[in-house]
C-alpha atoms as a PDB file:
ATOM      1  CA  MET A   1      40.709  32.424 -51.310  1.00  0.00           C
ATOM      2  CA  THR A   2      38.195  29.698 -51.217  1.00  0.00           C
ATOM      3  CA  PRO A   3      35.618  29.484 -48.345  1.00  0.00           C
ATOM      4  CA  ARG A   4      36.458  26.960 -45.602  1.00  0.00           C
ATOM      5  CA  SER A   5      34.305  23.932 -45.509  1.00  0.00           C
ATOM      6  CA  SER A   6      32.747  22.973 -42.201  1.00  0.00           C
ATOM      7  CA  ALA A   7      34.135  19.927 -40.466  1.00  0.00           C
ATOM      8  CA  ARG A   8      30.591  18.875 -39.545  1.00  0.00           C
ATOM      9  CA  PRO A   9      28.213  17.888 -42.260  1.00  0.00           C
ATOM     10  CA  ALA A  10      25.046  19.913 -42.395  1.00  0.00           C
ATOM     11  CA  LEU A  11      21.915  18.249 -40.958  1.00  0.00           C
ATOM     12  CA  SER A  12      19.136  17.821 -43.380  1.00  0.00           C
ATOM     13  CA  ARG A  13      15.785  19.406 -42.545  1.00  0.00           C
ATOM     14  CA  ALA A  14      14.456  16.009 -41.486  1.00  0.00           C
ATOM     15  CA  GLY A  15      17.487  15.394 -39.310  1.00  0.00           C
ATOM     16  CA  THR A  16      17.016  18.762 -37.637  1.00  0.00           C
ATOM     17  CA  LEU A  17      13.347  17.935 -36.955  1.00  0.00           C
ATOM     18  CA  ILE A  18      14.298  14.574 -35.464  1.00  0.00           C
ATOM     19  CA  VAL A  19      16.951  16.109 -33.201  1.00  0.00           C
ATOM     20  CA  THR A  20      14.533  18.850 -32.119  1.00  0.00           C
ATOM     21  CA  ALA A  21      11.805  16.264 -31.388  1.00  0.00           C
ATOM     22  CA  LEU A  22      14.232  14.145 -29.373  1.00  0.00           C
ATOM     23  CA  LEU A  23      15.361  17.139 -27.362  1.00  0.00           C
ATOM     24  CA  ALA A  24      11.729  18.148 -26.680  1.00  0.00           C
ATOM     25  CA  PHE A  25      10.814  14.630 -25.665  1.00  0.00           C
ATOM     26  CA  SER A  26      13.857  14.454 -23.298  1.00  0.00           C
ATOM     27  CA  ALA A  27      12.827  17.734 -21.685  1.00  0.00           C
ATOM     28  CA  ILE A  28       9.307  16.600 -21.199  1.00  0.00           C
ATOM     29  CA  ALA A  29      10.461  13.278 -19.725  1.00  0.00           C
ATOM     30  CA  LEU A  30      12.849  14.959 -17.322  1.00  0.00           C
ATOM     31  CA  SER A  31      10.172  17.480 -16.391  1.00  0.00           C
ATOM     32  CA  ALA A  32       7.694  14.703 -15.649  1.00  0.00           C
ATOM     33  CA  THR A  33      10.286  12.851 -13.540  1.00  0.00           C
ATOM     34  CA  ALA A  34      11.111  16.067 -11.642  1.00  0.00           C
ATOM     35  CA  PHE A  35       7.411  16.713 -11.070  1.00  0.00           C
ATOM     36  CA  ALA A  36       6.875  13.121  -9.806  1.00  0.00           C
ATOM     37  CA  GLN A  37       9.836  13.420  -7.404  1.00  0.00           C
ATOM     38  CA  ASN A  38       8.589  16.836  -6.179  1.00  0.00           C
ATOM     39  CA  GLU A  39       5.094  15.372  -5.732  1.00  0.00           C
ATOM     40  CA  ASP A  40       6.603  12.577  -3.678  1.00  0.00           C
ATOM     41  CA  LYS A  41       8.343  15.151  -1.422  1.00  0.00           C
ATOM     42  CA  VAL A  42       5.064  17.063  -1.070  1.00  0.00           C
ATOM     43  CA  LYS A  43       3.233  13.920   0.014  1.00  0.00           C
ATOM     44  CA  ALA A  44       6.031  13.049   2.397  1.00  0.00           C
ATOM     45  CA  GLY A  45       5.931  16.560   3.741  1.00  0.00           C
ATOM     46  CA  LEU A  46       2.207  16.312   4.414  1.00  0.00           C
ATOM     47  CA  GLU A  47       2.727  13.086   6.389  1.00  0.00           C
ATOM     48  CA  VAL A  48       5.457  14.776   8.443  1.00  0.00           C
ATOM     49  CA  TRP A  49       3.183  17.788   8.996  1.00  0.00           C
ATOM     50  CA  LYS A  50       0.419  15.499  10.249  1.00  0.00           C
ATOM     51  CA  SER A  51       2.657  13.483  12.515  1.00  0.00           C
ATOM     52  CA  SER A  52       4.917  16.144  14.010  1.00  0.00           C
ATOM     53  CA  GLY A  53       2.450  18.327  15.942  1.00  0.00           C
ATOM     54  CA  CYS A  54       2.488  21.105  13.304  1.00  0.00           C
ATOM     55  CA  ALA A  55      -1.344  21.078  13.070  1.00  0.00           C
ATOM     56  CA  ASP A  56      -1.586  21.308  16.891  1.00  0.00           C
ATOM     57  CA  CYS A  57      -0.619  24.966  16.631  1.00  0.00           C
ATOM     58  CA  HIS A  58      -1.143  25.928  12.957  1.00  0.00           C
ATOM     59  CA  GLY A  59      -4.203  23.896  12.157  1.00  0.00           C
ATOM     60  CA  SER A  60      -4.679  21.028   9.751  1.00  0.00           C
ATOM     61  CA  PHE A  61      -4.538  23.486   6.860  1.00  0.00           C
ATOM     62  CA  ALA A  62      -1.942  25.847   8.314  1.00  0.00           C
ATOM     63  CA  ASN A  63      -4.470  28.641   8.654  1.00  0.00           C
ATOM     64  CA  GLY A  64      -3.724  29.376  12.360  1.00  0.00           C
ATOM     65  CA  GLU A  65      -6.768  27.501  13.628  1.00  0.00           C
ATOM     66  CA  LYS A  66      -4.982  25.190  16.041  1.00  0.00           C
ATOM     67  CA  GLN A  67      -6.253  21.702  16.836  1.00  0.00           C
ATOM     68  CA  ARG A  68      -5.342  21.678  20.516  1.00  0.00           C
ATOM     69  CA  ASP A  69      -6.500  24.414  22.857  1.00  0.00           C
ATOM     70  CA  GLU A  70      -3.425  24.119  25.111  1.00  0.00           C
ATOM     71  CA  ALA A  71      -1.034  24.592  22.151  1.00  0.00           C
ATOM     72  CA  PRO A  72       0.292  27.956  21.225  1.00  0.00           C
ATOM     73  CA  THR A  73      -1.483  29.583  18.318  1.00  0.00           C
ATOM     74  CA  GLY A  74       0.658  29.255  15.238  1.00  0.00           C
ATOM     75  CA  ALA A  75       0.909  31.660  12.388  1.00  0.00           C
ATOM     76  CA  ASP A  76      -1.465  31.531   9.380  1.00  0.00           C
ATOM     77  CA  LEU A  77       0.960  30.129   6.870  1.00  0.00           C
ATOM     78  CA  ARG A  78      -1.610  30.491   3.998  1.00  0.00           C
ATOM     79  CA  THR A  79      -1.012  34.241   4.041  1.00  0.00           C
ATOM     80  CA  SER A  80       2.665  33.967   4.809  1.00  0.00           C
ATOM     81  CA  ARG A  81       5.277  35.446   2.385  1.00  0.00           C
ATOM     82  CA  LEU A  82       8.233  33.437   3.786  1.00  0.00           C
ATOM     83  CA  SER A  83      10.684  32.173   1.203  1.00  0.00           C
ATOM     84  CA  THR A  84      11.856  28.595   1.068  1.00  0.00           C
ATOM     85  CA  ALA A  85      14.976  29.479   2.986  1.00  0.00           C
ATOM     86  CA  GLU A  86      13.059  31.365   5.586  1.00  0.00           C
ATOM     87  CA  LEU A  87      10.573  28.528   6.120  1.00  0.00           C
ATOM     88  CA  LYS A  88      13.451  26.065   6.505  1.00  0.00           C
ATOM     89  CA  GLU A  89      15.123  28.349   9.082  1.00  0.00           C
ATOM     90  CA  VAL A  90      12.011  28.898  11.114  1.00  0.00           C
ATOM     91  CA  ILE A  91      11.024  25.191  11.101  1.00  0.00           C
ATOM     92  CA  GLY A  92      14.542  24.033  11.885  1.00  0.00           C
ATOM     93  CA  CYS A  93      15.570  26.731  14.377  1.00  0.00           C
ATOM     94  CA  GLY A  94      12.189  27.791  15.813  1.00  0.00           C
ATOM     95  CA  ARG A  95      11.626  31.271  17.087  1.00  0.00           C
ATOM     96  CA  PRO A  96      13.141  31.977  20.505  1.00  0.00           C
ATOM     97  CA  GLY A  97      11.618  34.518  22.806  1.00  0.00           C
ATOM     98  CA  GLY A  98       8.446  32.777  23.926  1.00  0.00           C
ATOM     99  CA  THR A  99       6.766  32.801  20.499  1.00  0.00           C
ATOM    100  CA  GLY A 100       5.723  29.173  20.793  1.00  0.00           C
ATOM    101  CA  MET A 101       7.591  28.004  17.668  1.00  0.00           C
ATOM    102  CA  PRO A 102       9.917  25.147  18.578  1.00  0.00           C
ATOM    103  CA  ALA A 103      13.120  24.200  16.828  1.00  0.00           C
ATOM    104  CA  PHE A 104      12.357  20.938  15.032  1.00  0.00           C
ATOM    105  CA  ASP A 105      15.923  20.371  13.666  1.00  0.00           C
ATOM    106  CA  GLU A 106      17.579  17.972  16.092  1.00  0.00           C
ATOM    107  CA  GLY A 107      20.947  19.764  15.377  1.00  0.00           C
ATOM    108  CA  ALA A 108      19.662  23.323  15.643  1.00  0.00           C
ATOM    109  CA  TYR A 109      22.007  25.569  17.677  1.00  0.00           C
ATOM    110  CA  LYS A 110      24.021  22.530  18.844  1.00  0.00           C
ATOM    111  CA  VAL A 111      25.362  21.361  15.492  1.00  0.00           C
ATOM    112  CA  ARG A 112      24.083  23.901  12.964  1.00  0.00           C
ATOM    113  CA  PRO A 113      24.033  27.641  13.322  1.00  0.00           C
ATOM    114  CA  CYS A 114      20.697  29.348  13.746  1.00  0.00           C
ATOM    115  CA  GLY A 115      19.653  32.955  13.450  1.00  0.00           C
ATOM    116  CA  GLY A 116      23.272  34.040  12.929  1.00  0.00           C
ATOM    117  CA  GLN A 117      24.300  32.321  16.183  1.00  0.00           C
ATOM    118  CA  MET A 118      27.231  29.941  15.941  1.00  0.00           C
ATOM    119  CA  PRO A 119      26.665  26.340  17.136  1.00  0.00           C
ATOM    120  CA  GLY A 120      26.706  26.048  20.898  1.00  0.00           C
ATOM    121  CA  THR A 121      24.042  26.105  23.569  1.00  0.00           C
ATOM    122  CA  PRO A 122      20.435  26.508  22.352  1.00  0.00           C
ATOM    123  CA  PRO A 123      18.479  29.431  23.792  1.00  0.00           C
ATOM    124  CA  GLY A 124      16.547  28.483  26.945  1.00  0.00           C
ATOM    125  CA  ASN A 125      13.274  30.112  25.818  1.00  0.00           C
ATOM    126  CA  LEU A 126      12.360  27.820  22.919  1.00  0.00           C
ATOM    127  CA  TYR A 127       9.010  26.110  23.139  1.00  0.00           C
ATOM    128  CA  PRO A 128       9.525  22.312  23.528  1.00  0.00           C
ATOM    129  CA  THR A 129       9.152  20.297  20.339  1.00  0.00           C
ATOM    130  CA  PRO A 130       6.883  17.255  20.167  1.00  0.00           C
ATOM    131  CA  ARG A 131       9.564  15.530  18.125  1.00  0.00           C
ATOM    132  CA  THR A 132      12.645  16.410  16.216  1.00  0.00           C
ATOM    133  CA  LEU A 133      13.011  16.126  12.417  1.00  0.00           C
ATOM    134  CA  THR A 134      15.897  15.339  10.128  1.00  0.00           C
ATOM    135  CA  PRO A 135      16.991  17.981   7.671  1.00  0.00           C
ATOM    136  CA  ALA A 136      15.398  15.818   4.864  1.00  0.00           C
ATOM    137  CA  GLN A 137      12.075  15.814   6.742  1.00  0.00           C
ATOM    138  CA  ILE A 138      12.241  19.536   7.128  1.00  0.00           C
ATOM    139  CA  ASP A 139      12.829  19.824   3.393  1.00  0.00           C
ATOM    140  CA  ASP A 140       9.799  17.669   2.776  1.00  0.00           C
ATOM    141  CA  VAL A 141       7.618  19.892   4.990  1.00  0.00           C
ATOM    142  CA  VAL A 142       8.884  22.968   3.232  1.00  0.00           C
ATOM    143  CA  ALA A 143       8.096  21.310  -0.172  1.00  0.00           C
ATOM    144  CA  TYR A 144       4.550  20.619   1.096  1.00  0.00           C
ATOM    145  CA  LEU A 145       4.069  24.195   2.455  1.00  0.00           C
ATOM    146  CA  ARG A 146       5.377  25.766  -0.780  1.00  0.00           C
ATOM    147  CA  ALA A 147       3.268  23.546  -3.069  1.00  0.00           C
ATOM    148  CA  ARG A 148       0.007  23.555  -1.135  1.00  0.00           C
ATOM    149  CA  ILE A 149      -0.133  26.196   1.620  1.00  0.00           C
ATOM    150  CA  VAL A 150       2.035  29.365   1.394  1.00  0.00           C
ATOM    151  CA  GLY A 151       0.150  32.035  -0.564  1.00  0.00           C
ATOM    152  CA  LYS A 152      -2.670  29.629  -1.599  1.00  0.00           C
ATOM    153  CA  GLY A 153      -5.489  31.587   0.108  1.00  0.00           C
ATOM    154  CA  ARG A 154      -8.678  29.733   0.947  1.00  0.00           C
ATOM    155  CA  ILE A 155      -8.795  26.059   1.704  1.00  0.00           C
ATOM    156  CA  THR A 156     -10.173  24.011  -1.183  1.00  0.00           C
ATOM    157  CA  ARG A 157     -12.172  20.791  -1.116  1.00  0.00           C
ATOM    158  CA  ALA A 158      -9.430  19.093  -3.061  1.00  0.00           C
ATOM    159  CA  GLU A 159      -6.935  20.055  -0.429  1.00  0.00           C
ATOM    160  CA  CYS A 160      -9.215  18.891   2.282  1.00  0.00           C
ATOM    161  CA  LEU A 161      -9.667  15.528   0.573  1.00  0.00           C
ATOM    162  CA  ALA A 162      -5.916  15.171   0.086  1.00  0.00           C
ATOM    163  CA  TYR A 163      -5.336  15.944   3.792  1.00  0.00           C
ATOM    164  CA  TYR A 164      -7.987  13.485   4.999  1.00  0.00           C
ATOM    165  CA  ASP A 165      -7.258  10.757   2.499  1.00  0.00           C
ATOM    166  CA  GLY A 166     -10.439  11.242   0.618  1.00  0.00           C
ATOM    167  CA  ASP A 167     -12.772  11.151   3.625  1.00  0.00           C
ATOM    168  CA  GLU A 168     -15.871  13.041   2.333  1.00  0.00           C
ATOM    169  CA  ASP A 169     -17.296  13.493   5.804  1.00  0.00           C
ATOM    170  CA  GLU A 170     -14.293  15.505   6.977  1.00  0.00           C
ATOM    171  CA  CYS A 171     -14.636  17.808   4.015  1.00  0.00           C
ATOM    172  CA  GLU A 172     -18.359  18.602   4.124  1.00  0.00           C
ATOM    173  CA  ASP A 173     -17.661  22.310   4.810  1.00  0.00           C
ATOM    174  CA  TYR A 174     -15.593  22.716   1.618  1.00  0.00           C
ATOM    175  CA  LYS A 175     -17.783  22.673  -1.411  1.00  0.00           C
END
């Protein structure tokens, strides 16, 4: 018996190197695009954070140092261990029971289930929300929290400058 010949011609060493280089370049290009898209979501999430009343309770840097005395004291999210799904659930559905965490998802409880509860009437003991958010806006806030807040420890000067659009005076305490 004679050995069967391959239907595909063998790549030369140079051809293999070229294919490998093209695959590596494609992976890098896709990675850079994904990073840029994620960074856009993070920036959008920061803007939603700043404009939705989140800092009123949690503080500008989500460390539990609220900005408004009359607001409930929010959790220190810098030390939080919530997963992406848990963050999305808490932001969207709030925490009933007088915790002070409102449901930011405009469809929470009414259109989408929350906390294992089928859609219907929302609980009466949810803190009122300053404004509702779309699911995409909630995803942006979660992207921001995961990238810059959750598990990040102390506030850095770079983070302060990003929050305050480079205003050096606002960030004097962070050296």
